[in-house]
């Protein structure tokens, strides 16, 4: 059985904070695999470009908040 998914409260984070794909996906209501696939195929996921840290994708809190508030597409 999988551990429960933590959905972060991005309003309490600085915009420059980064989240791992799993937390970013939980915040967006998507699966981590969806974000990884979209990044692989398009170079972004829903208009948000991740950064790479140690070979892993990290998503900026400010970019994710802008997406859910209608800023990115």
Foldseek 3Di string as FASTA:
>chain_A
DDDDQDADDLVPPPQQDKDFLSNLCVVVVHHSVQQVVCCVVPVGHQQFHFDDDPNGTIGGSNVSVCSVVPNGD
